[in-house]
Amino acid sequence: MNSSQINCFLEAAECLNFTKAAERLYLSQPGLSRQIATMEREIGINLFERGRNSIKLTAAGAICVDYLSKIRSEYKKMLDQAAMAQRIKQDSLIIGCLEGQLIGKCYENALTYFWSTYPNIRIKLCYFSVSDLCNALVEGEVDIAIMPEDDAARLPGILFQRSHVEKCCLVVPRNHPKADAENPTLQDFQDETFLVLADSESDAIARQHRRICQAAGFTPKQRIVPTFGTLAMLLEMGVGISVLNVWHSLHNVPHLKFLNVPEIDYQIEAVAWHKDNKHPNIPIFISKIELNTDLPQEG
């Protein structure tokens, strides 16, 4: 039984006349009669009592009218709601970012392009911990994620493009005695507690923190923190030192200082999306990103 058969049956049940029902549906009368006869054979129920010049519903046919009318109504409602959901999806773009991280300059062109060219497309920025952002991307809760490239590379079903390379800084209290040193190194802060992100939060950032500690030439005191947000909170409270890029919101906190030190390397950022997400705005957004992907030459 298909939707064409249901439509033919319900129209005939309303008109109690095959010819009139066929005219309403822009079908031939024999075509409509065949649809109803096929439906009757498939479900094993006689829907009409057919006379020489008239038809009437059987008792079973009347029950079918009641249920199939509801089914057709719910089916139409489902299609309408699904179409609306798809239109809403295509008229919006959900971008996932790391908590505390500001949108970098390389994404300004893409955002400005959408706001000026497609004013009806709603761009929504959502902020997550690293692990929650990974989950949101895999589960389709965000269309695009701005995240460390190494984290994107380990996720199943995720495509990504390198978008930004940024030198990271050592973040220390501004009143630290060595905060204004001319050429600071990690050795200058060896007595401080180094805040290290847990592997479960971000494998990429955790490995970067471990590399930095190894490059320091000493074993610093370490405190493992569960989330990026916790790390930022402890830094703001003056409980330890750590590494952030200059696009983190703490860069604007007056009692903290971001220092360039030789042991700290670069953070490689990517824009990532799920391979099964066919959202038409994703490739447009990516194409407008002002890529900054070259590692600066040390000199």
C-alpha atoms as a PDB file:
ATOM      1  CA  MET A   1       0.000   0.000   0.000  1.00  0.00           C
ATOM      2  CA  ASN A   2       1.426   3.345  -1.039  1.00  0.00           C
ATOM      3  CA  SER A   3       0.468   6.991  -0.725  1.00  0.00           C
ATOM      4  CA  SER A   4      -1.109   7.088  -4.223  1.00  0.00           C
ATOM      5  CA  GLN A   5      -3.422   4.223  -3.328  1.00  0.00           C
ATOM      6  CA  ILE A   6      -4.345   5.861  -0.014  1.00  0.00           C
ATOM      7  CA  ASN A   7      -5.148   9.159  -1.767  1.00  0.00           C
ATOM      8  CA  CYS A   8      -7.329   7.408  -4.342  1.00  0.00           C
ATOM      9  CA  PHE A   9      -9.182   5.442  -1.682  1.00  0.00           C
ATOM     10  CA  LEU A  10      -9.835   8.435   0.591  1.00  0.00           C
ATOM     11  CA  GLU A  11     -11.007  10.602  -2.303  1.00  0.00           C
ATOM     12  CA  ALA A  12     -13.384   7.857  -3.507  1.00  0.00           C
ATOM     13  CA  ALA A  13     -14.641   7.345   0.034  1.00  0.00           C
ATOM     14  CA  GLU A  14     -15.479  11.044   0.267  1.00  0.00           C
ATOM     15  CA  CYS A  15     -17.161  11.270  -3.153  1.00  0.00           C
ATOM     16  CA  LEU A  16     -18.645   7.743  -3.235  1.00  0.00           C
ATOM     17  CA  ASN A  17     -18.142   8.046  -6.966  1.00  0.00           C
ATOM     18  CA  PHE A  18     -15.062   6.784  -8.804  1.00  0.00           C
ATOM     19  CA  THR A  19     -15.497   9.158 -11.751  1.00  0.00           C
ATOM     20  CA  LYS A  20     -15.761  12.275  -9.577  1.00  0.00           C
ATOM     21  CA  ALA A  21     -12.841  11.151  -7.363  1.00  0.00           C
ATOM     22  CA  ALA A  22     -10.700  10.578 -10.457  1.00  0.00           C
ATOM     23  CA  GLU A  23     -11.487  14.074 -11.753  1.00  0.00           C
ATOM     24  CA  ARG A  24     -10.450  15.632  -8.425  1.00  0.00           C
ATOM     25  CA  LEU A  25      -7.134  13.797  -8.567  1.00  0.00           C
ATOM     26  CA  TYR A  26      -6.605  14.489 -12.301  1.00  0.00           C
ATOM     27  CA  LEU A  27      -6.615  10.757 -13.017  1.00  0.00           C
ATOM     28  CA  SER A  28      -8.602   8.600 -15.415  1.00  0.00           C
ATOM     29  CA  GLN A  29     -11.491   6.666 -13.850  1.00  0.00           C
ATOM     30  CA  PRO A  30      -9.995   3.260 -14.828  1.00  0.00           C
ATOM     31  CA  GLY A  31      -6.636   4.298 -13.358  1.00  0.00           C
ATOM     32  CA  LEU A  32      -8.206   5.210 -10.035  1.00  0.00           C
ATOM     33  CA  SER A  33     -10.245   1.990  -9.996  1.00  0.00           C
ATOM     34  CA  ARG A  34      -7.065  -0.060 -10.580  1.00  0.00           C
ATOM     35  CA  GLN A  35      -5.260   1.708  -7.689  1.00  0.00           C
ATOM     36  CA  ILE A  36      -8.106   0.896  -5.290  1.00  0.00           C
ATOM     37  CA  ALA A  37      -8.463  -2.688  -6.534  1.00  0.00           C
ATOM     38  CA  THR A  38      -4.709  -3.255  -6.097  1.00  0.00           C
ATOM     39  CA  MET A  39      -4.896  -1.852  -2.561  1.00  0.00           C
ATOM     40  CA  GLU A  40      -7.786  -4.180  -1.714  1.00  0.00           C
ATOM     41  CA  ARG A  41      -5.816  -7.211  -2.951  1.00  0.00           C
ATOM     42  CA  GLU A  42      -2.687  -6.193  -1.018  1.00  0.00           C
ATOM     43  CA  ILE A  43      -4.449  -5.730   2.331  1.00  0.00           C
ATOM     44  CA  GLY A  44      -7.022  -8.492   1.782  1.00  0.00           C
ATOM     45  CA  ILE A  45      -9.990  -6.244   2.575  1.00  0.00           C
ATOM     46  CA  ASN A  46     -12.986  -5.220   0.458  1.00  0.00           C
ATOM     47  CA  LEU A  47     -13.240  -1.463   0.894  1.00  0.00           C
ATOM     48  CA  PHE A  48     -16.351  -0.796  -1.229  1.00  0.00           C
ATOM     49  CA  GLU A  49     -19.564  -2.500  -2.127  1.00  0.00           C
ATOM     50  CA  ARG A  50     -19.910  -1.848  -5.842  1.00  0.00           C
ATOM     51  CA  GLY A  51     -23.375  -1.534  -7.449  1.00  0.00           C
ATOM     52  CA  ARG A  52     -24.266  -0.980 -11.083  1.00  0.00           C
ATOM     53  CA  ASN A  53     -24.325   2.830 -10.713  1.00  0.00           C
ATOM     54  CA  SER A  54     -23.093   3.435  -7.159  1.00  0.00           C
ATOM     55  CA  ILE A  55     -20.542   2.464  -4.542  1.00  0.00           C
ATOM     56  CA  LYS A  56     -20.610   2.502  -0.765  1.00  0.00           C
ATOM     57  CA  LEU A  57     -18.081   1.803   1.938  1.00  0.00           C
ATOM     58  CA  THR A  58     -18.025  -1.557   3.639  1.00  0.00           C
ATOM     59  CA  ALA A  59     -17.790  -1.616   7.442  1.00  0.00           C
ATOM     60  CA  ALA A  60     -14.110  -2.486   7.078  1.00  0.00           C
ATOM     61  CA  GLY A  61     -13.704   0.313   4.544  1.00  0.00           C
ATOM     62  CA  ALA A  62     -15.162   2.851   6.983  1.00  0.00           C
ATOM     63  CA  ILE A  63     -12.610   1.797   9.619  1.00  0.00           C
ATOM     64  CA  CYS A  64      -9.826   2.174   7.062  1.00  0.00           C
ATOM     65  CA  VAL A  65     -11.026   5.687   6.202  1.00  0.00           C
ATOM     66  CA  ASP A  66     -10.783   6.711   9.846  1.00  0.00           C
ATOM     67  CA  TYR A  67      -7.239   5.414  10.349  1.00  0.00           C
ATOM     68  CA  LEU A  68      -5.827   6.282   6.934  1.00  0.00           C
ATOM     69  CA  SER A  69      -7.120   9.859   7.190  1.00  0.00           C
ATOM     70  CA  LYS A  70      -5.127  10.260  10.392  1.00  0.00           C
ATOM     71  CA  ILE A  71      -2.070   8.617   8.852  1.00  0.00           C
ATOM     72  CA  ARG A  72      -2.208  10.911   5.797  1.00  0.00           C
ATOM     73  CA  SER A  73      -2.581  13.965   8.020  1.00  0.00           C
ATOM     74  CA  GLU A  74       0.360  12.927  10.232  1.00  0.00           C
ATOM     75  CA  TYR A  75       2.444  12.084   7.165  1.00  0.00           C
ATOM     76  CA  LYS A  76       1.891  15.567   5.721  1.00  0.00           C
ATOM     77  CA  LYS A  77       2.673  17.130   9.091  1.00  0.00           C
ATOM     78  CA  MET A  78       5.900  15.110   9.272  1.00  0.00           C
ATOM     79  CA  LEU A  79       6.980  16.259   5.799  1.00  0.00           C
ATOM     80  CA  ASP A  80       6.187  19.898   6.597  1.00  0.00           C
ATOM     81  CA  GLN A  81       8.138  19.810   9.865  1.00  0.00           C
ATOM     82  CA  ALA A  82      11.071  17.994   8.264  1.00  0.00           C
ATOM     83  CA  ALA A  83      11.195  20.517   5.427  1.00  0.00           C
ATOM     84  CA  MET A  84      11.108  23.357   7.943  1.00  0.00           C
ATOM     85  CA  ALA A  85      13.937  21.773   9.939  1.00  0.00           C
ATOM     86  CA  GLN A  86      16.002  21.470   6.776  1.00  0.00           C
ATOM     87  CA  ARG A  87      15.345  25.101   5.807  1.00  0.00           C
ATOM     88  CA  ILE A  88      16.325  26.242   9.300  1.00  0.00           C
ATOM     89  CA  LYS A  89      19.473  24.123   9.125  1.00  0.00           C
ATOM     90  CA  GLN A  90      20.467  25.518   5.754  1.00  0.00           C
ATOM     91  CA  ASP A  91      19.708  29.080   6.838  1.00  0.00           C
ATOM     92  CA  SER A  92      22.054  28.827   9.804  1.00  0.00           C
ATOM     93  CA  LEU A  93      25.653  27.903  10.477  1.00  0.00           C
ATOM     94  CA  ILE A  94      26.746  26.636  13.892  1.00  0.00           C
ATOM     95  CA  ILE A  95      30.443  27.148  14.612  1.00  0.00           C
ATOM     96  CA  GLY A  96      32.017  25.462  17.611  1.00  0.00           C
ATOM     97  CA  CYS A  97      34.938  27.194  19.331  1.00  0.00           C
ATOM     98  CA  LEU A  98      37.086  26.479  22.371  1.00  0.00           C
ATOM     99  CA  GLU A  99      35.990  28.122  25.601  1.00  0.00           C
ATOM    100  CA  GLY A 100      37.925  31.307  26.261  1.00  0.00           C
ATOM    101  CA  GLN A 101      39.260  31.440  22.712  1.00  0.00           C
ATOM    102  CA  LEU A 102      38.566  34.552  20.645  1.00  0.00           C
ATOM    103  CA  ILE A 103      37.779  34.264  16.942  1.00  0.00           C
ATOM    104  CA  GLY A 104      41.111  34.828  15.211  1.00  0.00           C
ATOM    105  CA  LYS A 105      41.713  37.399  12.520  1.00  0.00           C
ATOM    106  CA  CYS A 106      41.890  34.747   9.793  1.00  0.00           C
ATOM    107  CA  TYR A 107      38.157  34.038  10.239  1.00  0.00           C
ATOM    108  CA  GLU A 108      37.056  37.672  10.091  1.00  0.00           C
ATOM    109  CA  ASN A 109      36.770  37.678   6.285  1.00  0.00           C
ATOM    110  CA  ALA A 110      34.510  34.618   6.294  1.00  0.00           C
ATOM    111  CA  LEU A 111      32.247  36.028   9.001  1.00  0.00           C
ATOM    112  CA  THR A 112      32.077  39.462   7.363  1.00  0.00           C
ATOM    113  CA  TYR A 113      31.289  37.862   3.987  1.00  0.00           C
ATOM    114  CA  PHE A 114      28.359  35.915   5.409  1.00  0.00           C
ATOM    115  CA  TRP A 115      26.982  38.847   7.371  1.00  0.00           C
ATOM    116  CA  SER A 116      27.106  41.137   4.322  1.00  0.00           C
ATOM    117  CA  THR A 117      26.237  38.687   1.521  1.00  0.00           C
ATOM    118  CA  TYR A 118      23.774  36.411   3.323  1.00  0.00           C
ATOM    119  CA  PRO A 119      22.155  38.534   6.039  1.00  0.00           C
ATOM    120  CA  ASN A 120      19.403  35.935   6.532  1.00  0.00           C
ATOM    121  CA  ILE A 121      21.878  33.194   7.444  1.00  0.00           C
ATOM    122  CA  ARG A 122      22.206  33.040  11.202  1.00  0.00           C
ATOM    123  CA  ILE A 123      25.742  32.343  12.391  1.00  0.00           C
ATOM    124  CA  LYS A 124      25.815  30.937  15.892  1.00  0.00           C
ATOM    125  CA  LEU A 125      29.080  30.663  17.833  1.00  0.00           C
ATOM    126  CA  CYS A 126      29.029  27.991  20.543  1.00  0.00           C
ATOM    127  CA  TYR A 127      31.822  27.491  23.058  1.00  0.00           C
ATOM    128  CA  PHE A 128      32.938  24.117  24.417  1.00  0.00           C
ATOM    129  CA  SER A 129      35.709  22.417  26.320  1.00  0.00           C
ATOM    130  CA  VAL A 130      38.039  20.607  23.902  1.00  0.00           C
ATOM    131  CA  SER A 131      36.559  17.163  24.569  1.00  0.00           C
ATOM    132  CA  ASP A 132      32.976  18.459  24.344  1.00  0.00           C
ATOM    133  CA  LEU A 133      33.777  20.243  21.068  1.00  0.00           C
ATOM    134  CA  CYS A 134      35.130  16.974  19.632  1.00  0.00           C
ATOM    135  CA  ASN A 135      31.945  15.172  20.654  1.00  0.00           C
ATOM    136  CA  ALA A 136      29.711  17.943  19.282  1.00  0.00           C
ATOM    137  CA  LEU A 137      31.491  17.774  15.924  1.00  0.00           C
ATOM    138  CA  VAL A 138      31.236  13.988  15.638  1.00  0.00           C
ATOM    139  CA  GLU A 139      27.569  13.991  16.714  1.00  0.00           C
ATOM    140  CA  GLY A 140      26.615  16.762  14.263  1.00  0.00           C
ATOM    141  CA  GLU A 141      25.724  19.324  16.926  1.00  0.00           C
ATOM    142  CA  VAL A 142      27.989  21.876  15.224  1.00  0.00           C
ATOM    143  CA  ASP A 143      28.596  22.365  11.506  1.00  0.00           C
ATOM    144  CA  ILE A 144      32.162  23.618  11.810  1.00  0.00           C
ATOM    145  CA  ALA A 145      34.693  23.388  14.631  1.00  0.00           C
ATOM    146  CA  ILE A 146      37.728  25.602  15.109  1.00  0.00           C
ATOM    147  CA  MET A 147      40.170  23.414  17.008  1.00  0.00           C
ATOM    148  CA  PRO A 148      43.762  22.098  17.258  1.00  0.00           C
ATOM    149  CA  GLU A 149      44.643  20.263  14.061  1.00  0.00           C
ATOM    150  CA  ASP A 150      45.961  17.176  15.873  1.00  0.00           C
ATOM    151  CA  ASP A 151      42.669  16.781  17.754  1.00  0.00           C
ATOM    152  CA  ALA A 152      40.689  17.020  14.502  1.00  0.00           C
ATOM    153  CA  ALA A 153      42.951  14.439  12.847  1.00  0.00           C
ATOM    154  CA  ARG A 154      42.152  11.729  15.400  1.00  0.00           C
ATOM    155  CA  LEU A 155      38.360  12.025  15.180  1.00  0.00           C
ATOM    156  CA  PRO A 156      36.411   9.435  13.135  1.00  0.00           C
ATOM    157  CA  GLY A 157      34.603  10.743  10.071  1.00  0.00           C
ATOM    158  CA  ILE A 158      36.031  14.257  10.369  1.00  0.00           C
ATOM    159  CA  LEU A 159      37.562  16.267   7.542  1.00  0.00           C
ATOM    160  CA  PHE A 160      39.681  19.330   8.261  1.00  0.00           C
ATOM    161  CA  GLN A 161      41.765  22.055   6.715  1.00  0.00           C
ATOM    162  CA  ARG A 162      44.667  23.778   8.393  1.00  0.00           C
ATOM    163  CA  SER A 163      43.654  27.384   8.917  1.00  0.00           C
ATOM    164  CA  HIS A 164      46.059  29.100  11.280  1.00  0.00           C
ATOM    165  CA  VAL A 165      49.494  28.787  12.824  1.00  0.00           C
ATOM    166  CA  GLU A 166      50.112  30.866  15.928  1.00  0.00           C
ATOM    167  CA  LYS A 167      53.129  31.188  18.221  1.00  0.00           C
ATOM    168  CA  CYS A 168      52.146  30.360  21.761  1.00  0.00           C
ATOM    169  CA  CYS A 169      53.244  32.294  24.819  1.00  0.00           C
ATOM    170  CA  LEU A 170      54.057  31.579  28.422  1.00  0.00           C
ATOM    171  CA  VAL A 171      51.385  33.160  30.616  1.00  0.00           C
ATOM    172  CA  VAL A 172      52.640  34.407  33.985  1.00  0.00           C
ATOM    173  CA  PRO A 173      51.492  36.901  36.616  1.00  0.00           C
ATOM    174  CA  ARG A 174      52.449  40.420  35.572  1.00  0.00           C
ATOM    175  CA  ASN A 175      53.978  41.050  38.992  1.00  0.00           C
ATOM    176  CA  HIS A 176      56.362  38.098  38.705  1.00  0.00           C
ATOM    177  CA  PRO A 177      59.985  39.261  39.206  1.00  0.00           C
ATOM    178  CA  LYS A 178      61.015  37.846  35.812  1.00  0.00           C
ATOM    179  CA  ALA A 179      57.927  39.017  33.891  1.00  0.00           C
ATOM    180  CA  ASP A 180      59.834  41.984  32.466  1.00  0.00           C
ATOM    181  CA  ALA A 181      63.064  40.162  31.710  1.00  0.00           C
ATOM    182  CA  GLU A 182      64.552  41.121  28.343  1.00  0.00           C
ATOM    183  CA  ASN A 183      64.952  37.578  26.976  1.00  0.00           C
ATOM    184  CA  PRO A 184      62.935  35.314  29.279  1.00  0.00           C
ATOM    185  CA  THR A 185      63.267  31.524  29.238  1.00  0.00           C
ATOM    186  CA  LEU A 186      61.454  28.753  31.056  1.00  0.00           C
ATOM    187  CA  GLN A 187      64.472  28.475  33.360  1.00  0.00           C
ATOM    188  CA  ASP A 188      63.461  31.843  34.799  1.00  0.00           C
ATOM    189  CA  PHE A 189      60.210  30.261  36.020  1.00  0.00           C
ATOM    190  CA  GLN A 190      61.453  26.861  37.162  1.00  0.00           C
ATOM    191  CA  ASP A 191      60.131  27.343  40.693  1.00  0.00           C
ATOM    192  CA  GLU A 192      56.561  27.941  39.470  1.00  0.00           C
ATOM    193  CA  THR A 193      53.836  25.315  39.093  1.00  0.00           C
ATOM    194  CA  PHE A 194      53.250  24.501  35.435  1.00  0.00           C
ATOM    195  CA  LEU A 195      49.585  23.858  34.613  1.00  0.00           C
ATOM    196  CA  VAL A 196      49.321  20.899  32.222  1.00  0.00           C
ATOM    197  CA  LEU A 197      46.106  19.962  30.433  1.00  0.00           C
ATOM    198  CA  ALA A 198      44.888  16.382  30.912  1.00  0.00           C
ATOM    199  CA  ASP A 199      45.207  13.965  27.978  1.00  0.00           C
ATOM    200  CA  SER A 200      41.485  13.235  28.199  1.00  0.00           C
ATOM    201  CA  GLU A 201      40.684  16.878  27.413  1.00  0.00           C
ATOM    202  CA  SER A 202      42.996  17.421  24.442  1.00  0.00           C
ATOM    203  CA  ASP A 203      45.705  15.041  23.346  1.00  0.00           C
ATOM    204  CA  ALA A 204      47.216  17.735  21.113  1.00  0.00           C
ATOM    205  CA  ILE A 205      47.498  20.434  23.788  1.00  0.00           C
ATOM    206  CA  ALA A 206      48.583  17.951  26.476  1.00  0.00           C
ATOM    207  CA  ARG A 207      51.424  16.729  24.228  1.00  0.00           C
ATOM    208  CA  GLN A 208      52.456  20.328  23.549  1.00  0.00           C
ATOM    209  CA  HIS A 209      52.647  20.999  27.280  1.00  0.00           C
ATOM    210  CA  ARG A 210      54.778  17.884  27.821  1.00  0.00           C
ATOM    211  CA  ARG A 211      57.142  18.871  24.979  1.00  0.00           C
ATOM    212  CA  ILE A 212      57.603  22.288  26.537  1.00  0.00           C
ATOM    213  CA  CYS A 213      58.413  20.783  29.925  1.00  0.00           C
ATOM    214  CA  GLN A 214      60.939  18.416  28.331  1.00  0.00           C
ATOM    215  CA  ALA A 215      62.563  21.299  26.427  1.00  0.00           C
ATOM    216  CA  ALA A 216      62.970  23.301  29.605  1.00  0.00           C
ATOM    217  CA  GLY A 217      65.980  21.257  30.737  1.00  0.00           C
ATOM    218  CA  PHE A 218      64.513  20.667  34.182  1.00  0.00           C
ATOM    219  CA  THR A 219      61.521  18.893  35.663  1.00  0.00           C
ATOM    220  CA  PRO A 220      59.007  21.553  36.590  1.00  0.00           C
ATOM    221  CA  LYS A 221      56.376  21.169  39.240  1.00  0.00           C
ATOM    222  CA  GLN A 222      53.234  20.175  37.376  1.00  0.00           C
ATOM    223  CA  ARG A 223      49.549  20.311  38.117  1.00  0.00           C
ATOM    224  CA  ILE A 224      47.253  18.341  35.796  1.00  0.00           C
ATOM    225  CA  VAL A 225      44.008  20.213  35.125  1.00  0.00           C
ATOM    226  CA  PRO A 226      40.897  18.549  33.667  1.00  0.00           C
ATOM    227  CA  THR A 227      39.675  21.197  31.224  1.00  0.00           C
ATOM    228  CA  PHE A 228      40.851  24.209  29.271  1.00  0.00           C
ATOM    229  CA  GLY A 229      38.401  26.336  31.232  1.00  0.00           C
ATOM    230  CA  THR A 230      39.881  25.196  34.559  1.00  0.00           C
ATOM    231  CA  LEU A 231      43.365  25.965  33.291  1.00  0.00           C
ATOM    232  CA  ALA A 232      42.314  29.500  32.329  1.00  0.00           C
ATOM    233  CA  MET A 233      40.593  30.021  35.686  1.00  0.00           C
ATOM    234  CA  LEU A 234      43.709  28.970  37.628  1.00  0.00           C
ATOM    235  CA  LEU A 235      45.894  31.232  35.514  1.00  0.00           C
ATOM    236  CA  GLU A 236      43.596  34.171  36.174  1.00  0.00           C
ATOM    237  CA  MET A 237      43.743  33.400  39.906  1.00  0.00           C
ATOM    238  CA  GLY A 238      47.543  33.400  39.780  1.00  0.00           C
ATOM    239  CA  VAL A 239      47.765  29.690  40.626  1.00  0.00           C
ATOM    240  CA  GLY A 240      50.572  28.547  38.333  1.00  0.00           C
ATOM    241  CA  ILE A 241      51.798  29.326  34.808  1.00  0.00           C
ATOM    242  CA  SER A 242      50.980  27.746  31.457  1.00  0.00           C
ATOM    243  CA  VAL A 243      50.877  28.183  27.696  1.00  0.00           C
ATOM    244  CA  LEU A 244      48.204  29.911  25.591  1.00  0.00           C
ATOM    245  CA  ASN A 245      48.067  31.606  22.224  1.00  0.00           C
ATOM    246  CA  VAL A 246      47.486  35.340  21.967  1.00  0.00           C
ATOM    247  CA  TRP A 247      43.879  34.876  20.797  1.00  0.00           C
ATOM    248  CA  HIS A 248      42.819  33.652  24.217  1.00  0.00           C
ATOM    249  CA  SER A 249      40.597  36.044  26.171  1.00  0.00           C
ATOM    250  CA  LEU A 250      43.109  36.069  29.055  1.00  0.00           C
ATOM    251  CA  HIS A 251      45.388  38.127  26.825  1.00  0.00           C
ATOM    252  CA  ASN A 252      43.226  41.096  27.822  1.00  0.00           C
ATOM    253  CA  VAL A 253      43.535  40.462  31.567  1.00  0.00           C
ATOM    254  CA  PRO A 254      45.748  43.252  32.965  1.00  0.00           C
ATOM    255  CA  HIS A 255      47.378  41.258  35.782  1.00  0.00           C
ATOM    256  CA  LEU A 256      48.685  38.557  33.398  1.00  0.00           C
ATOM    257  CA  LYS A 257      51.510  38.793  30.909  1.00  0.00           C
ATOM    258  CA  PHE A 258      52.049  36.758  27.718  1.00  0.00           C
ATOM    259  CA  LEU A 259      55.769  36.148  27.187  1.00  0.00           C
ATOM    260  CA  ASN A 260      57.602  34.905  24.104  1.00  0.00           C
ATOM    261  CA  VAL A 261      60.063  32.267  25.245  1.00  0.00           C
ATOM    262  CA  PRO A 262      62.253  30.115  22.959  1.00  0.00           C
ATOM    263  CA  GLU A 263      61.146  26.742  24.357  1.00  0.00           C
ATOM    264  CA  ILE A 264      57.517  27.265  23.366  1.00  0.00           C
ATOM    265  CA  ASP A 265      56.490  26.257  19.860  1.00  0.00           C
ATOM    266  CA  TYR A 266      53.512  26.904  17.617  1.00  0.00           C
ATOM    267  CA  GLN A 267      49.879  25.884  17.843  1.00  0.00           C
ATOM    268  CA  ILE A 268      48.415  24.612  14.571  1.00  0.00           C
ATOM    269  CA  GLU A 269      44.710  25.306  14.267  1.00  0.00           C
ATOM    270  CA  ALA A 270      42.251  23.767  11.828  1.00  0.00           C
ATOM    271  CA  VAL A 271      38.677  24.218  10.717  1.00  0.00           C
ATOM    272  CA  ALA A 272      36.927  20.833  10.818  1.00  0.00           C
ATOM    273  CA  TRP A 273      33.585  19.393   9.694  1.00  0.00           C
ATOM    274  CA  HIS A 274      31.915  15.980   9.498  1.00  0.00           C
ATOM    275  CA  LYS A 275      32.248  14.200   6.144  1.00  0.00           C
ATOM    276  CA  ASP A 276      28.509  13.385   6.136  1.00  0.00           C
ATOM    277  CA  ASN A 277      27.430  16.968   6.805  1.00  0.00           C
ATOM    278  CA  LYS A 278      26.288  18.272   3.404  1.00  0.00           C
ATOM    279  CA  HIS A 279      25.381  21.719   4.709  1.00  0.00           C
ATOM    280  CA  PRO A 280      25.781  24.042   1.677  1.00  0.00           C
ATOM    281  CA  ASN A 281      27.252  26.862   3.769  1.00  0.00           C
ATOM    282  CA  ILE A 282      30.252  24.847   5.012  1.00  0.00           C
ATOM    283  CA  PRO A 283      32.348  25.002   1.789  1.00  0.00           C
ATOM    284  CA  ILE A 284      31.427  28.665   1.320  1.00  0.00           C
ATOM    285  CA  PHE A 285      32.646  29.561   4.815  1.00  0.00           C
ATOM    286  CA  ILE A 286      35.870  27.572   4.423  1.00  0.00           C
ATOM    287  CA  SER A 287      36.631  29.148   1.058  1.00  0.00           C
ATOM    288  CA  LYS A 288      36.497  32.635   2.628  1.00  0.00           C
ATOM    289  CA  ILE A 289      38.946  31.919   5.462  1.00  0.00           C
ATOM    290  CA  GLU A 290      42.149  33.917   5.171  1.00  0.00           C
ATOM    291  CA  LEU A 291      44.536  31.022   5.628  1.00  0.00           C
ATOM    292  CA  ASN A 292      47.696  31.596   7.646  1.00  0.00           C
ATOM    293  CA  THR A 293      49.333  28.193   7.603  1.00  0.00           C
ATOM    294  CA  ASP A 294      53.084  28.792   7.199  1.00  0.00           C
ATOM    295  CA  LEU A 295      55.343  28.195  10.132  1.00  0.00           C
ATOM    296  CA  PRO A 296      57.405  31.389  10.621  1.00  0.00           C
ATOM    297  CA  GLN A 297      61.096  31.042  10.008  1.00  0.00           C
ATOM    298  CA  GLU A 298      63.210  31.243  13.114  1.00  0.00           C
ATOM    299  CA  GLY A 299      66.006  33.713  12.775  1.00  0.00           C
END
